[in-house]
Amino acid sequence: MKFLKAFSFACNGIKICFRSGTNFKIHVFTGVSVFVLAWVLNMGAVQWMLLLLSTALVIAMEMINTAIEKLSDKVEPELHPIIKTVKDVSAGAVLVMAVCSIIIGAIVFLPPIFNFLKKWLI
């Protein structure tokens, strides 16, 4: 029973991020687009794992960033230099993971895209 309750709380956290986070929606939409492209290009298992892991990490980082921002706003509603630093660092963590994810996507997608284009342009 505790497991089901914990699972319910976790699902609620995802719903909260979906309702309140524009960036979260962007990351989820981007992830879904990546998976559609991977399916169209018939990616192998290793490529799927890299894409899944990098997408999940970006989304998880965005969720952690959202939690930090909401907690920070509750603890200190007024602008405070330490709270600003905390928020900037957590947003920076999302950015680092997103850039890493883009690089992984380029490594995974560029060779099959170039092969596809070569096949149709030559």
PDB file of N, CA and C in Angstrom:
ATOM      1  N   MET A   1       0.825  -1.203   0.000  1.00  0.00           N
ATOM      2  CA  MET A   1       0.000   0.000   0.000  1.00  0.00           C
ATOM      3  C   MET A   1       0.869   1.267   0.000  1.00  0.00           C
ATOM      4  N   LYS A   2       1.958   1.247   0.775  1.00  0.00           N
ATOM      5  CA  LYS A   2       2.841   2.412   0.800  1.00  0.00           C
ATOM      6  C   LYS A   2       3.422   2.690  -0.577  1.00  0.00           C
ATOM      7  N   PHE A   3       3.741   1.597  -1.309  1.00  0.00           N
ATOM      8  CA  PHE A   3       4.294   1.752  -2.649  1.00  0.00           C
ATOM      9  C   PHE A   3       3.291   2.450  -3.562  1.00  0.00           C
ATOM     10  N   LEU A   4       2.040   2.039  -3.520  1.00  0.00           N
ATOM     11  CA  LEU A   4       1.022   2.648  -4.366  1.00  0.00           C
ATOM     12  C   LEU A   4       0.810   4.119  -4.022  1.00  0.00           C
ATOM     13  N   LYS A   5       0.873   4.427  -2.725  1.00  0.00           N
ATOM     14  CA  LYS A   5       0.727   5.815  -2.303  1.00  0.00           C
ATOM     15  C   LYS A   5       1.902   6.662  -2.812  1.00  0.00           C
ATOM     16  N   ALA A   6       3.110   6.120  -2.671  1.00  0.00           N
ATOM     17  CA  ALA A   6       4.302   6.821  -3.150  1.00  0.00           C
ATOM     18  C   ALA A   6       4.242   7.007  -4.669  1.00  0.00           C
ATOM     19  N   PHE A   7       3.790   5.987  -5.377  1.00  0.00           N
ATOM     20  CA  PHE A   7       3.651   6.067  -6.825  1.00  0.00           C
ATOM     21  C   PHE A   7       2.632   7.142  -7.198  1.00  0.00           C
ATOM     22  N   SER A   8       1.547   7.221  -6.439  1.00  0.00           N
ATOM     23  CA  SER A   8       0.514   8.231  -6.667  1.00  0.00           C
ATOM     24  C   SER A   8       1.081   9.638  -6.472  1.00  0.00           C
ATOM     25  N   PHE A   9       1.884   9.818  -5.415  1.00  0.00           N
ATOM     26  CA  PHE A   9       2.509  11.122  -5.161  1.00  0.00           C
ATOM     27  C   PHE A   9       3.455  11.499  -6.300  1.00  0.00           C
ATOM     28  N   ALA A  10       4.217  10.518  -6.786  1.00  0.00           N
ATOM     29  CA  ALA A  10       5.151  10.778  -7.880  1.00  0.00           C
ATOM     30  C   ALA A  10       4.400  11.179  -9.153  1.00  0.00           C
ATOM     31  N   CYS A  11       3.315  10.483  -9.447  1.00  0.00           N
ATOM     32  CA  CYS A  11       2.506  10.833 -10.619  1.00  0.00           C
ATOM     33  C   CYS A  11       1.901  12.225 -10.473  1.00  0.00           C
ATOM     34  N   ASN A  12       1.510  12.567  -9.270  1.00  0.00           N
ATOM     35  CA  ASN A  12       0.991  13.908  -9.008  1.00  0.00           C
ATOM     36  C   ASN A  12       2.070  14.960  -9.268  1.00  0.00           C
ATOM     37  N   GLY A  13       3.306  14.657  -8.896  1.00  0.00           N
ATOM     38  CA  GLY A  13       4.409  15.583  -9.161  1.00  0.00           C
ATOM     39  C   GLY A  13       4.597  15.830 -10.645  1.00  0.00           C
ATOM     40  N   ILE A  14       4.456  14.777 -11.438  1.00  0.00           N
ATOM     41  CA  ILE A  14       4.561  14.934 -12.893  1.00  0.00           C
ATOM     42  C   ILE A  14       3.414  15.803 -13.409  1.00  0.00           C
ATOM     43  N   LYS A  15       2.199  15.564 -12.903  1.00  0.00           N
ATOM     44  CA  LYS A  15       1.044  16.378 -13.314  1.00  0.00           C
ATOM     45  C   LYS A  15       1.258  17.849 -12.963  1.00  0.00           C
ATOM     46  N   ILE A  16       1.788  18.097 -11.768  1.00  0.00           N
ATOM     47  CA  ILE A  16       2.046  19.479 -11.343  1.00  0.00           C
ATOM     48  C   ILE A  16       3.024  20.149 -12.297  1.00  0.00           C
ATOM     49  N   CYS A  17       4.093  19.450 -12.648  1.00  0.00           N
ATOM     50  CA  CYS A  17       5.074  20.024 -13.577  1.00  0.00           C
ATOM     51  C   CYS A  17       4.449  20.287 -14.939  1.00  0.00           C
ATOM     52  N   PHE A  18       3.590  19.384 -15.387  1.00  0.00           N
ATOM     53  CA  PHE A  18       2.933  19.561 -16.684  1.00  0.00           C
ATOM     54  C   PHE A  18       2.017  20.771 -16.665  1.00  0.00           C
ATOM     55  N   ARG A  19       1.286  20.955 -15.573  1.00  0.00           N
ATOM     56  CA  ARG A  19       0.336  22.073 -15.478  1.00  0.00           C
ATOM     57  C   ARG A  19       1.036  23.420 -15.327  1.00  0.00           C
ATOM     58  N   SER A  20       2.127  23.447 -14.581  1.00  0.00           N
ATOM     59  CA  SER A  20       2.710  24.742 -14.224  1.00  0.00           C
ATOM     60  C   SER A  20       3.993  25.080 -14.958  1.00  0.00           C
ATOM     61  N   GLY A  21       4.560  24.135 -15.687  1.00  0.00           N
ATOM     62  CA  GLY A  21       5.874  24.388 -16.270  1.00  0.00           C
ATOM     63  C   GLY A  21       5.899  24.414 -17.781  1.00  0.00           C
ATOM     64  N   THR A  22       6.067  25.599 -18.341  1.00  0.00           N
ATOM     65  CA  THR A  22       6.190  25.729 -19.793  1.00  0.00           C
ATOM     66  C   THR A  22       7.429  24.993 -20.284  1.00  0.00           C
ATOM     67  N   ASN A  23       8.552  25.161 -19.587  1.00  0.00           N
ATOM     68  CA  ASN A  23       9.781  24.484 -20.000  1.00  0.00           C
ATOM     69  C   ASN A  23       9.627  22.972 -19.924  1.00  0.00           C
ATOM     70  N   PHE A  24       8.902  22.490 -18.919  1.00  0.00           N
ATOM     71  CA  PHE A  24       8.660  21.059 -18.799  1.00  0.00           C
ATOM     72  C   PHE A  24       7.915  20.550 -20.031  1.00  0.00           C
ATOM     73  N   LYS A  25       6.887  21.271 -20.448  1.00  0.00           N
ATOM     74  CA  LYS A  25       6.119  20.875 -21.631  1.00  0.00           C
ATOM     75  C   LYS A  25       7.009  20.868 -22.872  1.00  0.00           C
ATOM     76  N   ILE A  26       7.886  21.854 -22.983  1.00  0.00           N
ATOM     77  CA  ILE A  26       8.807  21.928 -24.126  1.00  0.00           C
ATOM     78  C   ILE A  26       9.729  20.714 -24.128  1.00  0.00           C
ATOM     79  N   HIS A  27      10.269  20.366 -22.957  1.00  0.00           N
ATOM     80  CA  HIS A  27      11.174  19.212 -22.873  1.00  0.00           C
ATOM     81  C   HIS A  27      10.438  17.912 -23.215  1.00  0.00           C
ATOM     82  N   VAL A  28       9.221  17.763 -22.743  1.00  0.00           N
ATOM     83  CA  VAL A  28       8.450  16.551 -23.043  1.00  0.00           C
ATOM     84  C   VAL A  28       8.131  16.491 -24.540  1.00  0.00           C
ATOM     85  N   PHE A  29       7.691  17.600 -25.112  1.00  0.00           N
ATOM     86  CA  PHE A  29       7.390  17.638 -26.548  1.00  0.00           C
ATOM     87  C   PHE A  29       8.640  17.314 -27.366  1.00  0.00           C
ATOM     88  N   THR A  30       9.776  17.888 -26.979  1.00  0.00           N
ATOM     89  CA  THR A  30      11.031  17.625 -27.678  1.00  0.00           C
ATOM     90  C   THR A  30      11.398  16.145 -27.568  1.00  0.00           C
ATOM     91  N   GLY A  31      11.233  15.585 -26.372  1.00  0.00           N
ATOM     92  CA  GLY A  31      11.524  14.172 -26.178  1.00  0.00           C
ATOM     93  C   GLY A  31      10.667  13.283 -27.045  1.00  0.00           C
ATOM     94  N   VAL A  32       9.379  13.571 -27.099  1.00  0.00           N
ATOM     95  CA  VAL A  32       8.474  12.785 -27.944  1.00  0.00           C
ATOM     96  C   VAL A  32       8.892  12.907 -29.412  1.00  0.00           C
ATOM     97  N   SER A  33       9.258  14.101 -29.837  1.00  0.00           N
ATOM     98  CA  SER A  33       9.716  14.315 -31.220  1.00  0.00           C
ATOM     99  C   SER A  33      10.967  13.506 -31.516  1.00  0.00           C
ATOM    100  N   VAL A  34      11.883  13.469 -30.556  1.00  0.00           N
ATOM    101  CA  VAL A  34      13.113  12.688 -30.705  1.00  0.00           C
ATOM    102  C   VAL A  34      12.781  11.205 -30.879  1.00  0.00           C
ATOM    103  N   PHE A  35      11.848  10.707 -30.074  1.00  0.00           N
ATOM    104  CA  PHE A  35      11.489   9.289 -30.160  1.00  0.00           C
ATOM    105  C   PHE A  35      10.791   8.965 -31.470  1.00  0.00           C
ATOM    106  N   VAL A  36       9.983   9.875 -31.981  1.00  0.00           N
ATOM    107  CA  VAL A  36       9.331   9.661 -33.280  1.00  0.00           C
ATOM    108  C   VAL A  36      10.391   9.590 -34.378  1.00  0.00           C
ATOM    109  N   LEU A  37      11.341  10.519 -34.340  1.00  0.00           N
ATOM    110  CA  LEU A  37      12.414  10.521 -35.340  1.00  0.00           C
ATOM    111  C   LEU A  37      13.266   9.251 -35.230  1.00  0.00           C
ATOM    112  N   ALA A  38      13.554   8.818 -34.013  1.00  0.00           N
ATOM    113  CA  ALA A  38      14.315   7.584 -33.821  1.00  0.00           C
ATOM    114  C   ALA A  38      13.574   6.388 -34.396  1.00  0.00           C
ATOM    115  N   TRP A  39      12.266   6.378 -34.241  1.00  0.00           N
ATOM    116  CA  TRP A  39      11.449   5.291 -34.788  1.00  0.00           C
ATOM    117  C   TRP A  39      11.457   5.327 -36.315  1.00  0.00           C
ATOM    118  N   VAL A  40      11.304   6.539 -36.880  1.00  0.00           N
ATOM    119  CA  VAL A  40      11.297   6.698 -38.337  1.00  0.00           C
ATOM    120  C   VAL A  40      12.634   6.256 -38.931  1.00  0.00           C
ATOM    121  N   LEU A  41      13.731   6.592 -38.245  1.00  0.00           N
ATOM    122  CA  LEU A  41      15.061   6.243 -38.741  1.00  0.00           C
ATOM    123  C   LEU A  41      15.495   4.834 -38.336  1.00  0.00           C
ATOM    124  N   ASN A  42      14.609   4.114 -37.653  1.00  0.00           N
ATOM    125  CA  ASN A  42      14.870   2.724 -37.269  1.00  0.00           C
ATOM    126  C   ASN A  42      16.178   2.593 -36.479  1.00  0.00           C
ATOM    127  N   MET A  43      16.288   3.379 -35.424  1.00  0.00           N
ATOM    128  CA  MET A  43      17.493   3.377 -34.593  1.00  0.00           C
ATOM    129  C   MET A  43      17.663   2.035 -33.890  1.00  0.00           C
ATOM    130  N   GLY A  44      18.921   1.705 -33.590  1.00  0.00           N
ATOM    131  CA  GLY A  44      19.229   0.479 -32.865  1.00  0.00           C
ATOM    132  C   GLY A  44      19.026   0.654 -31.367  1.00  0.00           C
ATOM    133  N   ALA A  45      19.195  -0.435 -30.641  1.00  0.00           N
ATOM    134  CA  ALA A  45      18.944  -0.441 -29.195  1.00  0.00           C
ATOM    135  C   ALA A  45      19.857   0.526 -28.443  1.00  0.00           C
ATOM    136  N   VAL A  46      21.122   0.577 -28.810  1.00  0.00           N
ATOM    137  CA  VAL A  46      22.059   1.469 -28.098  1.00  0.00           C
ATOM    138  C   VAL A  46      21.662   2.925 -28.307  1.00  0.00           C
ATOM    139  N   GLN A  47      21.309   3.274 -29.535  1.00  0.00           N
ATOM    140  CA  GLN A  47      20.882   4.649 -29.813  1.00  0.00           C
ATOM    141  C   GLN A  47      19.619   4.985 -29.031  1.00  0.00           C
ATOM    142  N   TRP A  48      18.666   4.045 -28.977  1.00  0.00           N
ATOM    143  CA  TRP A  48      17.435   4.257 -28.215  1.00  0.00           C
ATOM    144  C   TRP A  48      17.756   4.497 -26.740  1.00  0.00           C
ATOM    145  N   MET A  49      18.669   3.696 -26.201  1.00  0.00           N
ATOM    146  CA  MET A  49      19.022   3.854 -24.781  1.00  0.00           C
ATOM    147  C   MET A  49      19.652   5.214 -24.519  1.00  0.00           C
ATOM    148  N   LEU A  50      20.542   5.652 -25.410  1.00  0.00           N
ATOM    149  CA  LEU A  50      21.172   6.970 -25.237  1.00  0.00           C
ATOM    150  C   LEU A  50      20.133   8.087 -25.303  1.00  0.00           C
ATOM    151  N   LEU A  51      19.223   7.992 -26.256  1.00  0.00           N
ATOM    152  CA  LEU A  51      18.188   9.018 -26.402  1.00  0.00           C
ATOM    153  C   LEU A  51      17.231   9.011 -25.219  1.00  0.00           C
ATOM    154  N   LEU A  52      16.836   7.825 -24.792  1.00  0.00           N
ATOM    155  CA  LEU A  52      15.932   7.714 -23.650  1.00  0.00           C
ATOM    156  C   LEU A  52      16.574   8.259 -22.381  1.00  0.00           C
ATOM    157  N   LEU A  53      17.814   7.872 -22.133  1.00  0.00           N
ATOM    158  CA  LEU A  53      18.504   8.327 -20.930  1.00  0.00           C
ATOM    159  C   LEU A  53      18.711   9.838 -20.933  1.00  0.00           C
ATOM    160  N   SER A  54      19.162  10.381 -22.050  1.00  0.00           N
ATOM    161  CA  SER A  54      19.408  11.824 -22.081  1.00  0.00           C
ATOM    162  C   SER A  54      18.105  12.618 -21.972  1.00  0.00           C
ATOM    163  N   THR A  55      17.046  12.137 -22.613  1.00  0.00           N
ATOM    164  CA  THR A  55      15.751  12.817 -22.521  1.00  0.00           C
ATOM    165  C   THR A  55      15.204  12.751 -21.097  1.00  0.00           C
ATOM    166  N   ALA A  56      15.281  11.572 -20.492  1.00  0.00           N
ATOM    167  CA  ALA A  56      14.790  11.415 -19.120  1.00  0.00           C
ATOM    168  C   ALA A  56      15.577  12.294 -18.151  1.00  0.00           C
ATOM    169  N   LEU A  57      16.878  12.405 -18.355  1.00  0.00           N
ATOM    170  CA  LEU A  57      17.685  13.248 -17.467  1.00  0.00           C
ATOM    171  C   LEU A  57      17.317  14.724 -17.596  1.00  0.00           C
ATOM    172  N   VAL A  58      17.079  15.185 -18.802  1.00  0.00           N
ATOM    173  CA  VAL A  58      16.664  16.586 -18.982  1.00  0.00           C
ATOM    174  C   VAL A  58      15.326  16.834 -18.289  1.00  0.00           C
ATOM    175  N   ILE A  59      14.378  15.930 -18.494  1.00  0.00           N
ATOM    176  CA  ILE A  59      13.053  16.095 -17.884  1.00  0.00           C
ATOM    177  C   ILE A  59      13.146  16.022 -16.367  1.00  0.00           C
ATOM    178  N   ALA A  60      13.937  15.085 -15.854  1.00  0.00           N
ATOM    179  CA  ALA A  60      14.116  14.973 -14.395  1.00  0.00           C
ATOM    180  C   ALA A  60      14.789  16.221 -13.827  1.00  0.00           C
ATOM    181  N   MET A  61      15.788  16.737 -14.533  1.00  0.00           N
ATOM    182  CA  MET A  61      16.450  17.964 -14.067  1.00  0.00           C
ATOM    183  C   MET A  61      15.470  19.138 -14.049  1.00  0.00           C
ATOM    184  N   GLU A  62      14.609  19.197 -15.048  1.00  0.00           N
ATOM    185  CA  GLU A  62      13.605  20.267 -15.084  1.00  0.00           C
ATOM    186  C   GLU A  62      12.643  20.136 -13.906  1.00  0.00           C
ATOM    187  N   MET A  63      12.293  18.911 -13.551  1.00  0.00           N
ATOM    188  CA  MET A  63      11.411  18.692 -12.404  1.00  0.00           C
ATOM    189  C   MET A  63      12.100  19.121 -11.101  1.00  0.00           C
ATOM    190  N   ILE A  64      13.362  18.776 -10.962  1.00  0.00           N
ATOM    191  CA  ILE A  64      14.117  19.191  -9.770  1.00  0.00           C
ATOM    192  C   ILE A  64      14.225  20.708  -9.726  1.00  0.00           C
ATOM    193  N   ASN A  65      14.482  21.322 -10.878  1.00  0.00           N
ATOM    194  CA  ASN A  65      14.554  22.781 -10.947  1.00  0.00           C
ATOM    195  C   ASN A  65      13.225  23.412 -10.530  1.00  0.00           C
ATOM    196  N   THR A  66      12.128  22.845 -10.998  1.00  0.00           N
ATOM    197  CA  THR A  66      10.803  23.353 -10.627  1.00  0.00           C
ATOM    198  C   THR A  66      10.583  23.247  -9.124  1.00  0.00           C
ATOM    199  N   ALA A  67      10.954  22.107  -8.548  1.00  0.00           N
ATOM    200  CA  ALA A  67      10.796  21.919  -7.102  1.00  0.00           C
ATOM    201  C   ALA A  67      11.634  22.936  -6.323  1.00  0.00           C
ATOM    202  N   ILE A  68      12.859  23.158  -6.759  1.00  0.00           N
ATOM    203  CA  ILE A  68      13.732  24.129  -6.091  1.00  0.00           C
ATOM    204  C   ILE A  68      13.148  25.537  -6.197  1.00  0.00           C
ATOM    205  N   GLU A  69      12.648  25.887  -7.369  1.00  0.00           N
ATOM    206  CA  GLU A  69      12.061  27.220  -7.549  1.00  0.00           C
ATOM    207  C   GLU A  69      10.828  27.413  -6.667  1.00  0.00           C
ATOM    208  N   LYS A  70       9.952  26.409  -6.617  1.00  0.00           N
ATOM    209  CA  LYS A  70       8.742  26.535  -5.797  1.00  0.00           C
ATOM    210  C   LYS A  70       9.086  26.616  -4.311  1.00  0.00           C
ATOM    211  N   LEU A  71      10.018  25.802  -3.864  1.00  0.00           N
ATOM    212  CA  LEU A  71      10.437  25.843  -2.465  1.00  0.00           C
ATOM    213  C   LEU A  71      11.107  27.179  -2.140  1.00  0.00           C
ATOM    214  N   SER A  72      11.946  27.653  -3.042  1.00  0.00           N
ATOM    215  CA  SER A  72      12.618  28.939  -2.834  1.00  0.00           C
ATOM    216  C   SER A  72      11.616  30.077  -2.730  1.00  0.00           C
ATOM    217  N   ASP A  73      10.604  30.065  -3.590  1.00  0.00           N
ATOM    218  CA  ASP A  73       9.580  31.114  -3.553  1.00  0.00           C
ATOM    219  C   ASP A  73       8.787  31.068  -2.248  1.00  0.00           C
ATOM    220  N   LYS A  74       8.571  29.877  -1.721  1.00  0.00           N
ATOM    221  CA  LYS A  74       7.841  29.737  -0.455  1.00  0.00           C
ATOM    222  C   LYS A  74       8.692  30.213   0.729  1.00  0.00           C
ATOM    223  N   VAL A  75       9.962  29.853   0.724  1.00  0.00           N
ATOM    224  CA  VAL A  75      10.863  30.203   1.826  1.00  0.00           C
ATOM    225  C   VAL A  75      11.146  31.700   1.840  1.00  0.00           C
ATOM    226  N   GLU A  76      11.359  32.264   0.652  1.00  0.00           N
ATOM    227  CA  GLU A  76      11.697  33.689   0.558  1.00  0.00           C
ATOM    228  C   GLU A  76      10.986  34.301  -0.637  1.00  0.00           C
ATOM    229  N   PRO A  77       9.747  34.795  -0.424  1.00  0.00           N
ATOM    230  CA  PRO A  77       8.972  35.356  -1.542  1.00  0.00           C
ATOM    231  C   PRO A  77       9.619  36.609  -2.153  1.00  0.00           C
ATOM    232  N   GLU A  78      10.358  37.355  -1.346  1.00  0.00           N
ATOM    233  CA  GLU A  78      11.022  38.564  -1.849  1.00  0.00           C
ATOM    234  C   GLU A  78      12.325  38.182  -2.553  1.00  0.00           C
ATOM    235  N   LEU A  79      12.786  39.065  -3.432  1.00  0.00           N
ATOM    236  CA  LEU A  79      14.046  38.839  -4.131  1.00  0.00           C
ATOM    237  C   LEU A  79      15.196  38.841  -3.121  1.00  0.00           C
ATOM    238  N   HIS A  80      15.947  37.759  -3.087  1.00  0.00           N
ATOM    239  CA  HIS A  80      17.070  37.623  -2.163  1.00  0.00           C
ATOM    240  C   HIS A  80      18.261  37.076  -2.944  1.00  0.00           C
ATOM    241  N   PRO A  81      19.464  37.624  -2.711  1.00  0.00           N
ATOM    242  CA  PRO A  81      20.619  37.208  -3.514  1.00  0.00           C
ATOM    243  C   PRO A  81      20.944  35.705  -3.408  1.00  0.00           C
ATOM    244  N   ILE A  82      20.765  35.121  -2.238  1.00  0.00           N
ATOM    245  CA  ILE A  82      21.063  33.691  -2.094  1.00  0.00           C
ATOM    246  C   ILE A  82      20.032  32.851  -2.833  1.00  0.00           C
ATOM    247  N   ILE A  83      18.759  33.227  -2.723  1.00  0.00           N
ATOM    248  CA  ILE A  83      17.701  32.511  -3.445  1.00  0.00           C
ATOM    249  C   ILE A  83      17.916  32.632  -4.945  1.00  0.00           C
ATOM    250  N   LYS A  84      18.312  33.819  -5.406  1.00  0.00           N
ATOM    251  CA  LYS A  84      18.595  34.008  -6.829  1.00  0.00           C
ATOM    252  C   LYS A  84      19.722  33.081  -7.271  1.00  0.00           C
ATOM    253  N   THR A  85      20.757  32.975  -6.466  1.00  0.00           N
ATOM    254  CA  THR A  85      21.877  32.084  -6.787  1.00  0.00           C
ATOM    255  C   THR A  85      21.415  30.632  -6.867  1.00  0.00           C
ATOM    256  N   VAL A  86      20.601  30.212  -5.898  1.00  0.00           N
ATOM    257  CA  VAL A  86      20.087  28.835  -5.889  1.00  0.00           C
ATOM    258  C   VAL A  86      19.273  28.567  -7.154  1.00  0.00           C
ATOM    259  N   LYS A  87      18.397  29.489  -7.507  1.00  0.00           N
ATOM    260  CA  LYS A  87      17.576  29.312  -8.703  1.00  0.00           C
ATOM    261  C   LYS A  87      18.423  29.303  -9.972  1.00  0.00           C
ATOM    262  N   ASP A  88      19.408  30.201 -10.043  1.00  0.00           N
ATOM    263  CA  ASP A  88      20.274  30.264 -11.223  1.00  0.00           C
ATOM    264  C   ASP A  88      21.095  28.987 -11.378  1.00  0.00           C
ATOM    265  N   VAL A  89      21.596  28.462 -10.272  1.00  0.00           N
ATOM    266  CA  VAL A  89      22.395  27.234 -10.330  1.00  0.00           C
ATOM    267  C   VAL A  89      21.530  26.049 -10.767  1.00  0.00           C
ATOM    268  N   SER A  90      20.313  25.956 -10.229  1.00  0.00           N
ATOM    269  CA  SER A  90      19.454  24.833 -10.628  1.00  0.00           C
ATOM    270  C   SER A  90      19.036  24.954 -12.088  1.00  0.00           C
ATOM    271  N   ALA A  91      18.787  26.168 -12.551  1.00  0.00           N
ATOM    272  CA  ALA A  91      18.474  26.366 -13.977  1.00  0.00           C
ATOM    273  C   ALA A  91      19.706  26.047 -14.834  1.00  0.00           C
ATOM    274  N   GLY A  92      20.878  26.389 -14.343  1.00  0.00           N
ATOM    275  CA  GLY A  92      22.111  26.067 -15.049  1.00  0.00           C
ATOM    276  C   GLY A  92      22.310  24.565 -15.186  1.00  0.00           C
ATOM    277  N   ALA A  93      21.925  23.808 -14.165  1.00  0.00           N
ATOM    278  CA  ALA A  93      22.033  22.351 -14.225  1.00  0.00           C
ATOM    279  C   ALA A  93      21.158  21.789 -15.349  1.00  0.00           C
ATOM    280  N   VAL A  94      19.968  22.352 -15.502  1.00  0.00           N
ATOM    281  CA  VAL A  94      19.081  21.927 -16.593  1.00  0.00           C
ATOM    282  C   VAL A  94      19.727  22.256 -17.933  1.00  0.00           C
ATOM    283  N   LEU A  95      20.299  23.446 -18.034  1.00  0.00           N
ATOM    284  CA  LEU A  95      20.943  23.863 -19.276  1.00  0.00           C
ATOM    285  C   LEU A  95      22.107  22.939 -19.639  1.00  0.00           C
ATOM    286  N   VAL A  96      22.937  22.590 -18.656  1.00  0.00           N
ATOM    287  CA  VAL A  96      24.069  21.689 -18.910  1.00  0.00           C
ATOM    288  C   VAL A  96      23.562  20.363 -19.456  1.00  0.00           C
ATOM    289  N   MET A  97      22.541  19.805 -18.831  1.00  0.00           N
ATOM    290  CA  MET A  97      22.014  18.523 -19.280  1.00  0.00           C
ATOM    291  C   MET A  97      21.347  18.649 -20.645  1.00  0.00           C
ATOM    292  N   ALA A  98      20.655  19.752 -20.892  1.00  0.00           N
ATOM    293  CA  ALA A  98      20.005  19.947 -22.195  1.00  0.00           C
ATOM    294  C   ALA A  98      21.044  20.052 -23.313  1.00  0.00           C
ATOM    295  N   VAL A  99      22.125  20.786 -23.074  1.00  0.00           N
ATOM    296  CA  VAL A  99      23.186  20.903 -24.082  1.00  0.00           C
ATOM    297  C   VAL A  99      23.830  19.539 -24.324  1.00  0.00           C
ATOM    298  N   CYS A 100      24.092  18.802 -23.255  1.00  0.00           N
ATOM    299  CA  CYS A 100      24.641  17.452 -23.381  1.00  0.00           C
ATOM    300  C   CYS A 100      23.693  16.563 -24.186  1.00  0.00           C
ATOM    301  N   SER A 101      22.410  16.700 -23.940  1.00  0.00           N
ATOM    302  CA  SER A 101      21.406  15.920 -24.654  1.00  0.00           C
ATOM    303  C   SER A 101      21.384  16.282 -26.139  1.00  0.00           C
ATOM    304  N   ILE A 102      21.535  17.542 -26.443  1.00  0.00           N
ATOM    305  CA  ILE A 102      21.595  17.982 -27.852  1.00  0.00           C
ATOM    306  C   ILE A 102      22.815  17.381 -28.540  1.00  0.00           C
ATOM    307  N   ILE A 103      23.949  17.370 -27.861  1.00  0.00           N
ATOM    308  CA  ILE A 103      25.170  16.785 -28.427  1.00  0.00           C
ATOM    309  C   ILE A 103      24.976  15.286 -28.664  1.00  0.00           C
ATOM    310  N   ILE A 104      24.383  14.596 -27.686  1.00  0.00           N
ATOM    311  CA  ILE A 104      24.095  13.170 -27.854  1.00  0.00           C
ATOM    312  C   ILE A 104      23.164  12.966 -29.048  1.00  0.00           C
ATOM    313  N   GLY A 105      22.135  13.805 -29.145  1.00  0.00           N
ATOM    314  CA  GLY A 105      21.217  13.711 -30.281  1.00  0.00           C
ATOM    315  C   GLY A 105      21.921  13.901 -31.616  1.00  0.00           C
ATOM    316  N   ALA A 106      22.834  14.854 -31.666  1.00  0.00           N
ATOM    317  CA  ALA A 106      23.579  15.090 -32.906  1.00  0.00           C
ATOM    318  C   ALA A 106      24.442  13.876 -33.258  1.00  0.00           C
ATOM    319  N   ILE A 107      25.115  13.313 -32.269  1.00  0.00           N
ATOM    320  CA  ILE A 107      25.957  12.135 -32.506  1.00  0.00           C
ATOM    321  C   ILE A 107      25.105  10.960 -32.996  1.00  0.00           C
ATOM    322  N   VAL A 108      23.930  10.797 -32.418  1.00  0.00           N
ATOM    323  CA  VAL A 108      23.059   9.677 -32.773  1.00  0.00           C
ATOM    324  C   VAL A 108      22.360   9.904 -34.118  1.00  0.00           C
ATOM    325  N   PHE A 109      21.862  11.122 -34.359  1.00  0.00           N
ATOM    326  CA  PHE A 109      21.019  11.355 -35.528  1.00  0.00           C
ATOM    327  C   PHE A 109      21.757  11.770 -36.798  1.00  0.00           C
ATOM    328  N   LEU A 110      22.856  12.479 -36.690  1.00  0.00           N
ATOM    329  CA  LEU A 110      23.478  13.002 -37.907  1.00  0.00           C
ATOM    330  C   LEU A 110      23.914  11.926 -38.891  1.00  0.00           C
ATOM    331  N   PRO A 111      24.597  10.852 -38.470  1.00  0.00           N
ATOM    332  CA  PRO A 111      24.978   9.841 -39.479  1.00  0.00           C
ATOM    333  C   PRO A 111      23.791   9.243 -40.243  1.00  0.00           C
ATOM    334  N   PRO A 112      22.704   8.790 -39.559  1.00  0.00           N
ATOM    335  CA  PRO A 112      21.594   8.253 -40.363  1.00  0.00           C
ATOM    336  C   PRO A 112      20.891   9.303 -41.215  1.00  0.00           C
ATOM    337  N   ILE A 113      20.843  10.533 -40.739  1.00  0.00           N
ATOM    338  CA  ILE A 113      20.223  11.595 -41.544  1.00  0.00           C
ATOM    339  C   ILE A 113      21.054  11.848 -42.804  1.00  0.00           C
ATOM    340  N   PHE A 114      22.386  11.922 -42.656  1.00  0.00           N
ATOM    341  CA  PHE A 114      23.247  12.108 -43.826  1.00  0.00           C
ATOM    342  C   PHE A 114      23.116  10.935 -44.795  1.00  0.00           C
ATOM    343  N   ASN A 115      23.053   9.720 -44.265  1.00  0.00           N
ATOM    344  CA  ASN A 115      22.873   8.547 -45.139  1.00  0.00           C
ATOM    345  C   ASN A 115      21.545   8.607 -45.870  1.00  0.00           C
ATOM    346  N   PHE A 116      20.491   8.999 -45.173  1.00  0.00           N
ATOM    347  CA  PHE A 116      19.172   9.133 -45.779  1.00  0.00           C
ATOM    348  C   PHE A 116      19.207  10.174 -46.902  1.00  0.00           C
ATOM    349  N   LEU A 117      19.819  11.321 -46.621  1.00  0.00           N
ATOM    350  CA  LEU A 117      19.890  12.388 -47.624  1.00  0.00           C
ATOM    351  C   LEU A 117      20.730  11.967 -48.823  1.00  0.00           C
ATOM    352  N   LYS A 118      21.828  11.281 -48.560  1.00  0.00           N
ATOM    353  CA  LYS A 118      22.679  10.788 -49.659  1.00  0.00           C
ATOM    354  C   LYS A 118      21.892   9.859 -50.581  1.00  0.00           C
ATOM    355  N   LYS A 119      21.100   8.985 -49.964  1.00  0.00           N
ATOM    356  CA  LYS A 119      20.326   8.011 -50.723  1.00  0.00           C
ATOM    357  C   LYS A 119      19.311   8.719 -51.631  1.00  0.00           C
ATOM    358  N   TRP A 120      18.713   9.794 -51.144  1.00  0.00           N
ATOM    359  CA  TRP A 120      17.659  10.461 -51.900  1.00  0.00           C
ATOM    360  C   TRP A 120      18.163  11.569 -52.812  1.00  0.00           C
ATOM    361  N   LEU A 121      19.369  12.053 -52.552  1.00  0.00           N
ATOM    362  CA  LEU A 121      19.891  13.152 -53.383  1.00  0.00           C
ATOM    363  C   LEU A 121      20.831  12.684 -54.475  1.00  0.00           C
ATOM    364  N   ILE A 122      21.272  11.442 -54.392  1.00  0.00           N
ATOM    365  CA  ILE A 122      22.221  10.954 -55.408  1.00  0.00           C
ATOM    366  C   ILE A 122      21.512  10.026 -56.366  1.00  0.00           C
TER     367      ILE A 122
END
